[in-house]
Protein backbone atom coordinates (compact mmCIF):
# COMPACT_ATOMS: atom_id res chain seq x y z
CA UNK A 1 94.83 149.22 135.39
CA UNK A 2 91.95 147.02 136.53
CA UNK A 3 90.57 147.19 133.34
CA UNK A 4 93.71 145.32 131.63
CA UNK A 5 93.61 142.73 134.68
CA UNK A 6 89.89 142.20 133.99
CA UNK A 7 90.39 142.01 130.05
CA UNK A 8 93.36 139.59 130.29
CA UNK A 9 91.18 137.44 132.56
CA UNK A 10 88.42 137.27 129.91
CA UNK A 11 91.12 136.76 127.47
CA UNK A 12 92.51 133.69 129.10
CA UNK A 13 88.84 132.29 129.64
CA UNK A 14 88.48 132.78 125.95
CA UNK A 15 91.50 130.93 125.01
CA UNK A 16 90.50 128.17 127.37
CA UNK A 17 87.03 128.04 125.88
CA UNK A 18 88.51 128.00 122.33
CA UNK A 19 90.82 125.14 123.08
CA UNK A 20 88.16 123.04 124.71
CA UNK A 21 85.72 123.63 121.74
CA UNK A 22 88.54 122.95 119.28
CA UNK A 23 89.68 119.83 121.38
CA UNK A 24 85.96 118.53 121.28
CA UNK A 25 85.74 119.00 117.30
CA UNK A 26 89.06 117.03 116.89
CA UNK A 27 87.78 114.33 119.06
CA UNK A 28 84.37 114.01 117.20
CA UNK A 29 86.30 113.93 113.73
CA UNK A 30 88.39 111.28 114.68
CA UNK A 31 85.33 109.51 116.18
CA UNK A 32 83.77 109.83 113.10
CA UNK A 33 86.77 108.92 110.64
CA UNK A 34 88.17 106.05 112.48
CA UNK A 35 85.29 103.77 111.80
CA UNK A 36 85.61 104.88 108.15
CA UNK A 37 89.25 103.86 108.15
CA UNK A 38 88.48 100.67 109.55
CA UNK A 39 85.93 100.01 107.34
CA UNK A 40 88.13 100.95 104.28
CA UNK A 41 91.00 98.39 105.52
CA UNK A 42 88.23 95.63 105.89
CA UNK A 43 87.43 96.19 102.27
CA UNK A 44 90.88 96.49 101.36
CA UNK A 45 91.61 93.01 102.91
CA UNK A 46 88.59 91.62 101.08
CA UNK A 47 89.41 92.68 97.68
CA UNK A 48 91.91 90.08 96.52
CA UNK A 49 89.43 87.67 97.49
CA UNK A 50 86.56 89.24 95.35
CA UNK A 51 89.31 89.54 92.62
CA UNK A 52 89.98 86.00 92.72
CA UNK A 53 86.12 84.98 92.43
CA UNK A 54 85.65 87.16 89.60
CA UNK A 55 88.70 85.93 87.81
CA UNK A 56 87.00 82.39 88.62
CA UNK A 57 83.63 83.51 87.47
CA UNK A 58 85.07 84.56 84.05
CA UNK A 59 87.21 81.35 83.53
CA UNK A 60 83.84 79.52 84.52
CA UNK A 61 81.60 81.20 82.18
CA UNK A 62 84.21 81.64 78.97
CA UNK A 63 82.47 78.59 77.26
CA UNK A 64 79.22 80.57 76.96
CA UNK A 65 80.83 82.76 74.51
CA UNK A 66 80.68 79.42 72.03
CA UNK A 67 76.93 78.83 72.90
CA UNK A 68 75.66 81.16 70.14
CA UNK A 69 77.85 78.76 67.67
CA UNK A 70 76.14 76.03 68.88
CA UNK A 71 72.78 77.46 68.68
CA UNK A 72 73.32 78.33 65.08
CA UNK A 73 74.59 74.81 64.41
CA UNK A 74 71.58 73.10 66.13
CA UNK A 75 69.32 75.36 64.40
CA UNK A 76 70.84 74.18 61.03
CA UNK A 77 70.61 70.61 61.85
CA UNK A 78 67.07 70.92 63.04
CA UNK A 79 66.11 72.66 59.62
CA UNK A 80 67.99 69.80 58.01
CA UNK A 81 65.75 66.99 60.04
CA UNK A 82 62.66 69.11 59.18
CA UNK A 83 63.38 68.75 55.46
CA UNK A 84 64.09 65.12 55.70
CA UNK A 85 60.99 64.49 57.63
CA UNK A 86 58.78 66.66 55.24
CA UNK A 87 60.31 64.55 52.21
CA UNK A 88 59.44 61.42 53.73
CA UNK A 89 56.04 62.62 54.04
CA UNK A 90 56.02 63.24 58.00
């Protein structure tokens, strides 16, 4: 009968140790996850500002799409000026 009492005593100590270790693990996981969640929330709050800035950048740089056409026209004009200068002997 004493063996059962000792076994029960060790079993209880094992449960206590298991719950303690489990509790420590849960606390460590929470301590690691909470900063990640806070950072994700901060990024989420900044996302609309970033999106608005990118939309403004697209709007501001849209005219650069016509730059190739401007360069082509300028090249044609320069070629014409060079031909005119050559005809005038310059």
